[in-house]
Amino acid sequence: MPKDIDDVYKELSKITKEINSVKNEFSQDLSDIKKTFKMLDKKIGLILNKIQEFEVIMDAAELLEEHMDDEEEKYNTEWNPYNDEDYGSEDYEDYDDENNESY
């Protein structure tokens, strides 16, 4: 009987060693996974910061574009007498009649 007990203890010792080996491998794998997640979290944070910077730039570009459009509308470079504030077509129609009368 003692031989059977010795065999059982040896087997238990082997199983314990295997369990500890698997536990160590699992701990190392878990540590690697945690490191990977931390690295991914940092990279995602960097990407989110870049996205926010891009949004700020796009908002500024949109405001600038609106301002440029407003300025372009204010200062229309294509002159047209009909768009002139001082132009009145009735003034020009009467001009010929007034000049003929004074002669």
PDB file of N, CA and C in Angstrom:
ATOM      1  N   MET A   1       0.775  -1.182   0.000  1.00  0.00           N
ATOM      2  CA  MET A   1       0.000   0.000   0.000  1.00  0.00           C
ATOM      3  C   MET A   1       0.841   1.282   0.000  1.00  0.00           C
ATOM      4  N   PRO A   2       1.895   1.329   0.683  1.00  0.00           N
ATOM      5  CA  PRO A   2       2.679   2.546   0.642  1.00  0.00           C
ATOM      6  C   PRO A   2       3.149   2.884  -0.767  1.00  0.00           C
ATOM      7  N   LYS A   3       3.379   1.852  -1.574  1.00  0.00           N
ATOM      8  CA  LYS A   3       3.797   2.111  -2.956  1.00  0.00           C
ATOM      9  C   LYS A   3       2.693   2.827  -3.718  1.00  0.00           C
ATOM     10  N   ASP A   4       1.465   2.435  -3.479  1.00  0.00           N
ATOM     11  CA  ASP A   4       0.331   3.088  -4.143  1.00  0.00           C
ATOM     12  C   ASP A   4       0.209   4.552  -3.688  1.00  0.00           C
ATOM     13  N   ILE A   5       0.432   4.781  -2.397  1.00  0.00           N
ATOM     14  CA  ILE A   5       0.356   6.130  -1.866  1.00  0.00           C
ATOM     15  C   ILE A   5       1.485   6.974  -2.451  1.00  0.00           C
ATOM     16  N   ASP A   6       2.668   6.418  -2.581  1.00  0.00           N
ATOM     17  CA  ASP A   6       3.789   7.135  -3.186  1.00  0.00           C
ATOM     18  C   ASP A   6       3.486   7.496  -4.643  1.00  0.00           C
ATOM     19  N   ASP A   7       2.879   6.546  -5.355  1.00  0.00           N
ATOM     20  CA  ASP A   7       2.515   6.806  -6.752  1.00  0.00           C
ATOM     21  C   ASP A   7       1.479   7.937  -6.854  1.00  0.00           C
ATOM     22  N   VAL A   8       0.523   7.932  -5.942  1.00  0.00           N
ATOM     23  CA  VAL A   8      -0.503   8.969  -5.927  1.00  0.00           C
ATOM     24  C   VAL A   8       0.141  10.333  -5.627  1.00  0.00           C
ATOM     25  N   TYR A   9       1.062  10.380  -4.633  1.00  0.00           N
ATOM     26  CA  TYR A   9       1.752  11.634  -4.321  1.00  0.00           C
ATOM     27  C   TYR A   9       2.591  12.125  -5.494  1.00  0.00           C
ATOM     28  N   LYS A  10       3.247  11.202  -6.160  1.00  0.00           N
ATOM     29  CA  LYS A  10       4.045  11.581  -7.340  1.00  0.00           C
ATOM     30  C   LYS A  10       3.132  12.157  -8.423  1.00  0.00           C
ATOM     31  N   GLU A  11       2.015  11.497  -8.617  1.00  0.00           N
ATOM     32  CA  GLU A  11       1.066  11.963  -9.644  1.00  0.00           C
ATOM     33  C   GLU A  11       0.502  13.343  -9.264  1.00  0.00           C
ATOM     34  N   LEU A  12       0.167  13.487  -7.968  1.00  0.00           N
ATOM     35  CA  LEU A  12      -0.316  14.790  -7.491  1.00  0.00           C
ATOM     36  C   LEU A  12       0.753  15.865  -7.664  1.00  0.00           C
ATOM     37  N   SER A  13       1.976  15.518  -7.417  1.00  0.00           N
ATOM     38  CA  SER A  13       3.079  16.465  -7.585  1.00  0.00           C
ATOM     39  C   SER A  13       3.217  16.876  -9.049  1.00  0.00           C
ATOM     40  N   LYS A  14       3.103  15.931  -9.960  1.00  0.00           N
ATOM     41  CA  LYS A  14       3.167  16.236 -11.395  1.00  0.00           C
ATOM     42  C   LYS A  14       2.014  17.151 -11.806  1.00  0.00           C
ATOM     43  N   ILE A  15       0.825  16.821 -11.323  1.00  0.00           N
ATOM     44  CA  ILE A  15      -0.356  17.610 -11.673  1.00  0.00           C
ATOM     45  C   ILE A  15      -0.215  19.037 -11.117  1.00  0.00           C
ATOM     46  N   THR A  16       0.297  19.144  -9.896  1.00  0.00           N
ATOM     47  CA  THR A  16       0.502  20.454  -9.282  1.00  0.00           C
ATOM     48  C   THR A  16       1.507  21.275 -10.091  1.00  0.00           C
ATOM     49  N   LYS A  17       2.578  20.649 -10.533  1.00  0.00           N
ATOM     50  CA  LYS A  17       3.579  21.336 -11.357  1.00  0.00           C
ATOM     51  C   LYS A  17       2.965  21.808 -12.675  1.00  0.00           C
ATOM     52  N   GLU A  18       2.147  20.940 -13.278  1.00  0.00           N
ATOM     53  CA  GLU A  18       1.498  21.329 -14.533  1.00  0.00           C
ATOM     54  C   GLU A  18       0.528  22.496 -14.320  1.00  0.00           C
ATOM     55  N   ILE A  19      -0.209  22.431 -13.211  1.00  0.00           N
ATOM     56  CA  ILE A  19      -1.148  23.511 -12.903  1.00  0.00           C
ATOM     57  C   ILE A  19      -0.387  24.816 -12.695  1.00  0.00           C
ATOM     58  N   ASN A  20       0.719  24.752 -11.945  1.00  0.00           N
ATOM     59  CA  ASN A  20       1.520  25.956 -11.723  1.00  0.00           C
ATOM     60  C   ASN A  20       2.114  26.477 -13.032  1.00  0.00           C
ATOM     61  N   SER A  21       2.529  25.571 -13.915  1.00  0.00           N
ATOM     62  CA  SER A  21       3.074  25.967 -15.210  1.00  0.00           C
ATOM     63  C   SER A  21       2.000  26.674 -16.050  1.00  0.00           C
ATOM     64  N   VAL A  22       0.808  26.088 -16.086  1.00  0.00           N
ATOM     65  CA  VAL A  22      -0.304  26.688 -16.828  1.00  0.00           C
ATOM     66  C   VAL A  22      -0.679  28.035 -16.204  1.00  0.00           C
ATOM     67  N   LYS A  23      -0.673  28.102 -14.857  1.00  0.00           N
ATOM     68  CA  LYS A  23      -0.987  29.346 -14.156  1.00  0.00           C
ATOM     69  C   LYS A  23       0.023  30.428 -14.519  1.00  0.00           C
ATOM     70  N   ASN A  24       1.306  30.074 -14.563  1.00  0.00           N
ATOM     71  CA  ASN A  24       2.337  31.044 -14.931  1.00  0.00           C
ATOM     72  C   ASN A  24       2.175  31.511 -16.377  1.00  0.00           C
ATOM     73  N   GLU A  25       1.895  30.573 -17.268  1.00  0.00           N
ATOM     74  CA  GLU A  25       1.668  30.938 -18.673  1.00  0.00           C
ATOM     75  C   GLU A  25       0.451  31.860 -18.787  1.00  0.00           C
ATOM     76  N   PHE A  26      -0.609  31.517 -18.063  1.00  0.00           N
ATOM     77  CA  PHE A  26      -1.816  32.326 -18.083  1.00  0.00           C
ATOM     78  C   PHE A  26      -1.531  33.724 -17.542  1.00  0.00           C
ATOM     79  N   SER A  27      -0.773  33.802 -16.460  1.00  0.00           N
ATOM     80  CA  SER A  27      -0.426  35.110 -15.884  1.00  0.00           C
ATOM     81  C   SER A  27       0.375  35.941 -16.875  1.00  0.00           C
ATOM     82  N   GLN A  28       1.315  35.294 -17.561  1.00  0.00           N
ATOM     83  CA  GLN A  28       2.111  36.013 -18.559  1.00  0.00           C
ATOM     84  C   GLN A  28       1.236  36.472 -19.723  1.00  0.00           C
ATOM     85  N   ASP A  29       0.354  35.595 -20.186  1.00  0.00           N
ATOM     86  CA  ASP A  29      -0.560  35.962 -21.272  1.00  0.00           C
ATOM     87  C   ASP A  29      -1.482  37.101 -20.838  1.00  0.00           C
ATOM     88  N   LEU A  30      -1.973  37.025 -19.617  1.00  0.00           N
ATOM     89  CA  LEU A  30      -2.849  38.070 -19.111  1.00  0.00           C
ATOM     90  C   LEU A  30      -2.102  39.394 -19.010  1.00  0.00           C
ATOM     91  N   SER A  31      -0.870  39.330 -18.584  1.00  0.00           N
ATOM     92  CA  SER A  31      -0.040  40.540 -18.508  1.00  0.00           C
ATOM     93  C   SER A  31       0.185  41.133 -19.902  1.00  0.00           C
ATOM     94  N   ASP A  32       0.448  40.272 -20.878  1.00  0.00           N
ATOM     95  CA  ASP A  32       0.621  40.740 -22.256  1.00  0.00           C
ATOM     96  C   ASP A  32      -0.659  41.378 -22.790  1.00  0.00           C
ATOM     97  N   ILE A  33      -1.783  40.779 -22.471  1.00  0.00           N
ATOM     98  CA  ILE A  33      -3.074  41.318 -22.923  1.00  0.00           C
ATOM     99  C   ILE A  33      -3.316  42.683 -22.289  1.00  0.00           C
ATOM    100  N   LYS A  34      -3.006  42.818 -20.999  1.00  0.00           N
ATOM    101  CA  LYS A  34      -3.180  44.109 -20.326  1.00  0.00           C
ATOM    102  C   LYS A  34      -2.293  45.173 -20.962  1.00  0.00           C
ATOM    103  N   LYS A  35      -1.040  44.814 -21.283  1.00  0.00           N
ATOM    104  CA  LYS A  35      -0.132  45.752 -21.933  1.00  0.00           C
ATOM    105  C   LYS A  35      -0.676  46.169 -23.288  1.00  0.00           C
ATOM    106  N   THR A  36      -1.198  45.194 -24.024  1.00  0.00           N
ATOM    107  CA  THR A  36      -1.758  45.480 -25.347  1.00  0.00           C
ATOM    108  C   THR A  36      -2.951  46.418 -25.226  1.00  0.00           C
ATOM    109  N   PHE A  37      -3.824  46.165 -24.246  1.00  0.00           N
ATOM    110  CA  PHE A  37      -4.976  47.043 -24.052  1.00  0.00           C
ATOM    111  C   PHE A  37      -4.552  48.452 -23.662  1.00  0.00           C
ATOM    112  N   LYS A  38      -3.541  48.573 -22.814  1.00  0.00           N
ATOM    113  CA  LYS A  38      -3.054  49.903 -22.439  1.00  0.00           C
ATOM    114  C   LYS A  38      -2.507  50.634 -23.659  1.00  0.00           C
ATOM    115  N   MET A  39      -1.753  49.912 -24.495  1.00  0.00           N
ATOM    116  CA  MET A  39      -1.201  50.519 -25.701  1.00  0.00           C
ATOM    117  C   MET A  39      -2.325  50.942 -26.656  1.00  0.00           C
ATOM    118  N   LEU A  40      -3.315  50.083 -26.826  1.00  0.00           N
ATOM    119  CA  LEU A  40      -4.460  50.416 -27.684  1.00  0.00           C
ATOM    120  C   LEU A  40      -5.222  51.618 -27.131  1.00  0.00           C
ATOM    121  N   ASP A  41      -5.385  51.672 -25.813  1.00  0.00           N
ATOM    122  CA  ASP A  41      -6.071  52.799 -25.194  1.00  0.00           C
ATOM    123  C   ASP A  41      -5.322  54.098 -25.465  1.00  0.00           C
ATOM    124  N   LYS A  42      -4.006  54.082 -25.364  1.00  0.00           N
ATOM    125  CA  LYS A  42      -3.210  55.276 -25.659  1.00  0.00           C
ATOM    126  C   LYS A  42      -3.356  55.686 -27.116  1.00  0.00           C
ATOM    127  N   LYS A  43      -3.305  54.706 -28.020  1.00  0.00           N
ATOM    128  CA  LYS A  43      -3.422  55.023 -29.442  1.00  0.00           C
ATOM    129  C   LYS A  43      -4.814  55.557 -29.775  1.00  0.00           C
ATOM    130  N   ILE A  44      -5.833  54.986 -29.162  1.00  0.00           N
ATOM    131  CA  ILE A  44      -7.195  55.483 -29.384  1.00  0.00           C
ATOM    132  C   ILE A  44      -7.312  56.910 -28.866  1.00  0.00           C
ATOM    133  N   GLY A  45      -6.690  57.174 -27.729  1.00  0.00           N
ATOM    134  CA  GLY A  45      -6.681  58.544 -27.195  1.00  0.00           C
ATOM    135  C   GLY A  45      -6.016  59.513 -28.149  1.00  0.00           C
ATOM    136  N   LEU A  46      -4.889  59.103 -28.735  1.00  0.00           N
ATOM    137  CA  LEU A  46      -4.203  59.955 -29.703  1.00  0.00           C
ATOM    138  C   LEU A  46      -5.072  60.207 -30.931  1.00  0.00           C
ATOM    139  N   ILE A  47      -5.743  59.157 -31.390  1.00  0.00           N
ATOM    140  CA  ILE A  47      -6.619  59.291 -32.555  1.00  0.00           C
ATOM    141  C   ILE A  47      -7.775  60.234 -32.238  1.00  0.00           C
ATOM    142  N   LEU A  48      -8.348  60.104 -31.041  1.00  0.00           N
ATOM    143  CA  LEU A  48      -9.442  61.003 -30.659  1.00  0.00           C
ATOM    144  C   LEU A  48      -8.963  62.451 -30.585  1.00  0.00           C
ATOM    145  N   ASN A  49      -7.750  62.660 -30.082  1.00  0.00           N
ATOM    146  CA  ASN A  49      -7.197  64.021 -30.044  1.00  0.00           C
ATOM    147  C   ASN A  49      -7.025  64.579 -31.450  1.00  0.00           C
ATOM    148  N   LYS A  50      -6.532  63.745 -32.363  1.00  0.00           N
ATOM    149  CA  LYS A  50      -6.359  64.195 -33.750  1.00  0.00           C
ATOM    150  C   LYS A  50      -7.708  64.511 -34.383  1.00  0.00           C
ATOM    151  N   ILE A  51      -8.710  63.701 -34.072  1.00  0.00           N
ATOM    152  CA  ILE A  51     -10.057  63.956 -34.607  1.00  0.00           C
ATOM    153  C   ILE A  51     -10.580  65.290 -34.086  1.00  0.00           C
ATOM    154  N   GLN A  52     -10.367  65.560 -32.789  1.00  0.00           N
ATOM    155  CA  GLN A  52     -10.809  66.834 -32.227  1.00  0.00           C
ATOM    156  C   GLN A  52     -10.070  67.998 -32.877  1.00  0.00           C
ATOM    157  N   GLU A  53      -8.767  67.849 -33.086  1.00  0.00           N
ATOM    158  CA  GLU A  53      -8.009  68.899 -33.767  1.00  0.00           C
ATOM    159  C   GLU A  53      -8.542  69.119 -35.175  1.00  0.00           C
ATOM    160  N   PHE A  54      -8.845  68.036 -35.872  1.00  0.00           N
ATOM    161  CA  PHE A  54      -9.381  68.131 -37.225  1.00  0.00           C
ATOM    162  C   PHE A  54     -10.729  68.840 -37.220  1.00  0.00           C
ATOM    163  N   GLU A  55     -11.570  68.528 -36.224  1.00  0.00           N
ATOM    164  CA  GLU A  55     -12.874  69.184 -36.131  1.00  0.00           C
ATOM    165  C   GLU A  55     -12.713  70.683 -35.907  1.00  0.00           C
ATOM    166  N   VAL A  56     -11.742  71.053 -35.063  1.00  0.00           N
ATOM    167  CA  VAL A  56     -11.496  72.481 -34.822  1.00  0.00           C
ATOM    168  C   VAL A  56     -11.057  73.156 -36.115  1.00  0.00           C
ATOM    169  N   ILE A  57     -10.163  72.499 -36.843  1.00  0.00           N
ATOM    170  CA  ILE A  57      -9.679  73.062 -38.108  1.00  0.00           C
ATOM    171  C   ILE A  57     -10.820  73.179 -39.115  1.00  0.00           C
ATOM    172  N   MET A  58     -11.652  72.151 -39.204  1.00  0.00           N
ATOM    173  CA  MET A  58     -12.771  72.196 -40.141  1.00  0.00           C
ATOM    174  C   MET A  58     -13.768  73.288 -39.750  1.00  0.00           C
ATOM    175  N   ASP A  59     -14.024  73.458 -38.445  1.00  0.00           N
ATOM    176  CA  ASP A  59     -14.921  74.532 -38.004  1.00  0.00           C
ATOM    177  C   ASP A  59     -14.341  75.890 -38.370  1.00  0.00           C
ATOM    178  N   ALA A  60     -13.041  76.047 -38.151  1.00  0.00           N
ATOM    179  CA  ALA A  60     -12.391  77.320 -38.494  1.00  0.00           C
ATOM    180  C   ALA A  60     -12.451  77.558 -39.996  1.00  0.00           C
ATOM    181  N   ALA A  61     -12.231  76.520 -40.778  1.00  0.00           N
ATOM    182  CA  ALA A  61     -12.290  76.661 -42.238  1.00  0.00           C
ATOM    183  C   ALA A  61     -13.703  77.027 -42.684  1.00  0.00           C
ATOM    184  N   GLU A  62     -14.688  76.439 -42.047  1.00  0.00           N
ATOM    185  CA  GLU A  62     -16.075  76.747 -42.393  1.00  0.00           C
ATOM    186  C   GLU A  62     -16.399  78.204 -42.065  1.00  0.00           C
ATOM    187  N   LEU A  63     -15.960  78.664 -40.884  1.00  0.00           N
ATOM    188  CA  LEU A  63     -16.181  80.057 -40.524  1.00  0.00           C
ATOM    189  C   LEU A  63     -15.467  80.999 -41.485  1.00  0.00           C
ATOM    190  N   LEU A  64     -14.250  80.653 -41.850  1.00  0.00           N
ATOM    191  CA  LEU A  64     -13.491  81.475 -42.789  1.00  0.00           C
ATOM    192  C   LEU A  64     -14.179  81.527 -44.142  1.00  0.00           C
ATOM    193  N   GLU A  65     -14.667  80.386 -44.587  1.00  0.00           N
ATOM    194  CA  GLU A  65     -15.367  80.335 -45.872  1.00  0.00           C
ATOM    195  C   GLU A  65     -16.632  81.192 -45.833  1.00  0.00           C
ATOM    196  N   GLU A  66     -17.380  81.099 -44.721  1.00  0.00           N
ATOM    197  CA  GLU A  66     -18.583  81.926 -44.591  1.00  0.00           C
ATOM    198  C   GLU A  66     -18.216  83.408 -44.590  1.00  0.00           C
ATOM    199  N   HIS A  67     -17.159  83.756 -43.880  1.00  0.00           N
ATOM    200  CA  HIS A  67     -16.714  85.149 -43.837  1.00  0.00           C
ATOM    201  C   HIS A  67     -16.307  85.630 -45.229  1.00  0.00           C
ATOM    202  N   MET A  68     -15.580  84.788 -45.945  1.00  0.00           N
ATOM    203  CA  MET A  68     -15.151  85.162 -47.302  1.00  0.00           C
ATOM    204  C   MET A  68     -16.363  85.327 -48.213  1.00  0.00           C
ATOM    205  N   ASP A  69     -17.347  84.438 -48.077  1.00  0.00           N
ATOM    206  CA  ASP A  69     -18.564  84.564 -48.888  1.00  0.00           C
ATOM    207  C   ASP A  69     -19.301  85.855 -48.551  1.00  0.00           C
ATOM    208  N   ASP A  70     -19.382  86.176 -47.249  1.00  0.00           N
ATOM    209  CA  ASP A  70     -20.038  87.414 -46.845  1.00  0.00           C
ATOM    210  C   ASP A  70     -19.311  88.631 -47.406  1.00  0.00           C
ATOM    211  N   GLU A  71     -17.991  88.620 -47.331  1.00  0.00           N
ATOM    212  CA  GLU A  71     -17.202  89.732 -47.852  1.00  0.00           C
ATOM    213  C   GLU A  71     -17.351  89.840 -49.363  1.00  0.00           C
ATOM    214  N   GLU A  72     -17.409  88.699 -50.027  1.00  0.00           N
ATOM    215  CA  GLU A  72     -17.558  88.709 -51.487  1.00  0.00           C
ATOM    216  C   GLU A  72     -18.910  89.294 -51.870  1.00  0.00           C
ATOM    217  N   GLU A  73     -19.936  88.968 -51.081  1.00  0.00           N
ATOM    218  CA  GLU A  73     -21.254  89.517 -51.366  1.00  0.00           C
ATOM    219  C   GLU A  73     -21.289  91.022 -51.108  1.00  0.00           C
ATOM    220  N   LYS A  74     -20.556  91.475 -50.097  1.00  0.00           N
ATOM    221  CA  LYS A  74     -20.517  92.909 -49.795  1.00  0.00           C
ATOM    222  C   LYS A  74     -19.853  93.687 -50.916  1.00  0.00           C
ATOM    223  N   TYR A  75     -18.760  93.171 -51.397  1.00  0.00           N
ATOM    224  CA  TYR A  75     -17.965  93.882 -52.404  1.00  0.00           C
ATOM    225  C   TYR A  75     -18.026  93.139 -53.724  1.00  0.00           C
ATOM    226  N   ASN A  76     -19.114  93.288 -54.401  1.00  0.00           N
ATOM    227  CA  ASN A  76     -19.291  92.655 -55.695  1.00  0.00           C
ATOM    228  C   ASN A  76     -18.446  93.426 -56.703  1.00  0.00           C
ATOM    229  N   THR A  77     -17.514  92.778 -57.335  1.00  0.00           N
ATOM    230  CA  THR A  77     -16.602  93.461 -58.259  1.00  0.00           C
ATOM    231  C   THR A  77     -17.199  93.647 -59.637  1.00  0.00           C
ATOM    232  N   GLU A  78     -18.288  93.008 -59.907  1.00  0.00           N
ATOM    233  CA  GLU A  78     -18.933  93.171 -61.208  1.00  0.00           C
ATOM    234  C   GLU A  78     -19.908  94.345 -61.115  1.00  0.00           C
ATOM    235  N   TRP A  79     -19.509  95.478 -61.675  1.00  0.00           N
ATOM    236  CA  TRP A  79     -20.338  96.662 -61.595  1.00  0.00           C
ATOM    237  C   TRP A  79     -21.429  96.605 -62.644  1.00  0.00           C
ATOM    238  N   ASN A  80     -22.586  96.936 -62.220  1.00  0.00           N
ATOM    239  CA  ASN A  80     -23.733  96.959 -63.107  1.00  0.00           C
ATOM    240  C   ASN A  80     -24.524  98.220 -62.748  1.00  0.00           C
ATOM    241  N   PRO A  81     -24.809  99.077 -63.715  1.00  0.00           N
ATOM    242  CA  PRO A  81     -25.496 100.329 -63.376  1.00  0.00           C
ATOM    243  C   PRO A  81     -26.859 100.095 -62.732  1.00  0.00           C
ATOM    244  N   TYR A  82     -27.488  99.002 -63.049  1.00  0.00           N
ATOM    245  CA  TYR A  82     -28.802  98.739 -62.494  1.00  0.00           C
ATOM    246  C   TYR A  82     -28.729  98.360 -61.013  1.00  0.00           C
ATOM    247  N   ASN A  83     -27.551  97.877 -60.584  1.00  0.00           N
ATOM    248  CA  ASN A  83     -27.371  97.522 -59.180  1.00  0.00           C
ATOM    249  C   ASN A  83     -26.838  98.704 -58.378  1.00  0.00           C
ATOM    250  N   ASP A  84     -26.481  99.772 -59.033  1.00  0.00           N
ATOM    251  CA  ASP A  84     -25.931 100.949 -58.360  1.00  0.00           C
ATOM    252  C   ASP A  84     -27.037 101.627 -57.560  1.00  0.00           C
ATOM    253  N   GLU A  85     -26.735 102.000 -56.328  1.00  0.00           N
ATOM    254  CA  GLU A  85     -27.734 102.620 -55.473  1.00  0.00           C
ATOM    255  C   GLU A  85     -28.193 103.969 -56.001  1.00  0.00           C
ATOM    256  N   ASP A  86     -27.294 104.703 -56.653  1.00  0.00           N
ATOM    257  CA  ASP A  86     -27.616 106.052 -57.126  1.00  0.00           C
ATOM    258  C   ASP A  86     -28.287 106.054 -58.490  1.00  0.00           C
ATOM    259  N   TYR A  87     -28.376 104.924 -59.127  1.00  0.00           N
ATOM    260  CA  TYR A  87     -28.934 104.856 -60.476  1.00  0.00           C
ATOM    261  C   TYR A  87     -30.448 104.849 -60.399  1.00  0.00           C
ATOM    262  N   GLY A  88     -31.034 105.690 -61.148  1.00  0.00           N
ATOM    263  CA  GLY A  88     -32.482 105.680 -61.292  1.00  0.00           C
ATOM    264  C   GLY A  88     -32.796 105.820 -62.767  1.00  0.00           C
ATOM    265  N   SER A  89     -33.449 104.871 -63.348  1.00  0.00           N
ATOM    266  CA  SER A  89     -33.696 104.903 -64.790  1.00  0.00           C
ATOM    267  C   SER A  89     -34.556 106.111 -65.172  1.00  0.00           C
ATOM    268  N   GLU A  90     -35.411 106.550 -64.273  1.00  0.00           N
ATOM    269  CA  GLU A  90     -36.257 107.692 -64.595  1.00  0.00           C
ATOM    270  C   GLU A  90     -35.435 108.960 -64.791  1.00  0.00           C
ATOM    271  N   ASP A  91     -34.303 109.077 -64.116  1.00  0.00           N
ATOM    272  CA  ASP A  91     -33.446 110.249 -64.292  1.00  0.00           C
ATOM    273  C   ASP A  91     -32.899 110.302 -65.715  1.00  0.00           C
ATOM    274  N   TYR A  92     -32.575 109.196 -66.252  1.00  0.00           N
ATOM    275  CA  TYR A  92     -31.999 109.164 -67.589  1.00  0.00           C
ATOM    276  C   TYR A  92     -33.065 109.341 -68.661  1.00  0.00           C
ATOM    277  N   GLU A  93     -34.250 108.892 -68.399  1.00  0.00           N
ATOM    278  CA  GLU A  93     -35.322 109.059 -69.376  1.00  0.00           C
ATOM    279  C   GLU A  93     -35.701 110.528 -69.498  1.00  0.00           C
ATOM    280  N   ASP A  94     -35.713 111.253 -68.405  1.00  0.00           N
ATOM    281  CA  ASP A  94     -36.087 112.665 -68.407  1.00  0.00           C
ATOM    282  C   ASP A  94     -34.947 113.554 -68.868  1.00  0.00           C
ATOM    283  N   TYR A  95     -33.783 113.068 -68.881  1.00  0.00           N
ATOM    284  CA  TYR A  95     -32.617 113.876 -69.227  1.00  0.00           C
ATOM    285  C   TYR A  95     -32.721 114.422 -70.644  1.00  0.00           C
ATOM    286  N   ASP A  96     -33.116 113.571 -71.576  1.00  0.00           N
ATOM    287  CA  ASP A  96     -33.247 114.011 -72.961  1.00  0.00           C
ATOM    288  C   ASP A  96     -34.330 115.077 -73.086  1.00  0.00           C
ATOM    289  N   ASP A  97     -35.423 114.937 -72.408  1.00  0.00           N
ATOM    290  CA  ASP A  97     -36.503 115.901 -72.496  1.00  0.00           C
ATOM    291  C   ASP A  97     -36.085 117.247 -71.911  1.00  0.00           C
ATOM    292  N   GLU A  98     -35.354 117.240 -70.817  1.00  0.00           N
ATOM    293  CA  GLU A  98     -34.917 118.482 -70.186  1.00  0.00           C
ATOM    294  C   GLU A  98     -33.922 119.214 -71.054  1.00  0.00           C
ATOM    295  N   ASN A  99     -33.015 118.535 -71.703  1.00  0.00           N
ATOM    296  CA  ASN A  99     -32.002 119.164 -72.542  1.00  0.00           C
ATOM    297  C   ASN A  99     -32.613 119.779 -73.808  1.00  0.00           C
ATOM    298  N   ASN A 100     -33.591 119.134 -74.354  1.00  0.00           N
ATOM    299  CA  ASN A 100     -34.224 119.665 -75.554  1.00  0.00           C
ATOM    300  C   ASN A 100     -35.026 120.934 -75.273  1.00  0.00           C
ATOM    301  N   GLU A 101     -35.615 121.039 -74.117  1.00  0.00           N
ATOM    302  CA  GLU A 101     -36.415 122.197 -73.771  1.00  0.00           C
ATOM    303  C   GLU A 101     -35.567 123.441 -73.573  1.00  0.00           C
ATOM    304  N   SER A 102     -34.367 123.288 -73.078  1.00  0.00           N
ATOM    305  CA  SER A 102     -33.544 124.455 -72.770  1.00  0.00           C
ATOM    306  C   SER A 102     -32.936 125.047 -74.013  1.00  0.00           C
ATOM    307  N   TYR A 103     -32.940 124.428 -75.104  1.00  0.00           N
ATOM    308  CA  TYR A 103     -32.362 124.975 -76.337  1.00  0.00           C
ATOM    309  C   TYR A 103     -33.268 125.859 -77.041  1.00  0.00           C
TER     310      TYR A 103
END
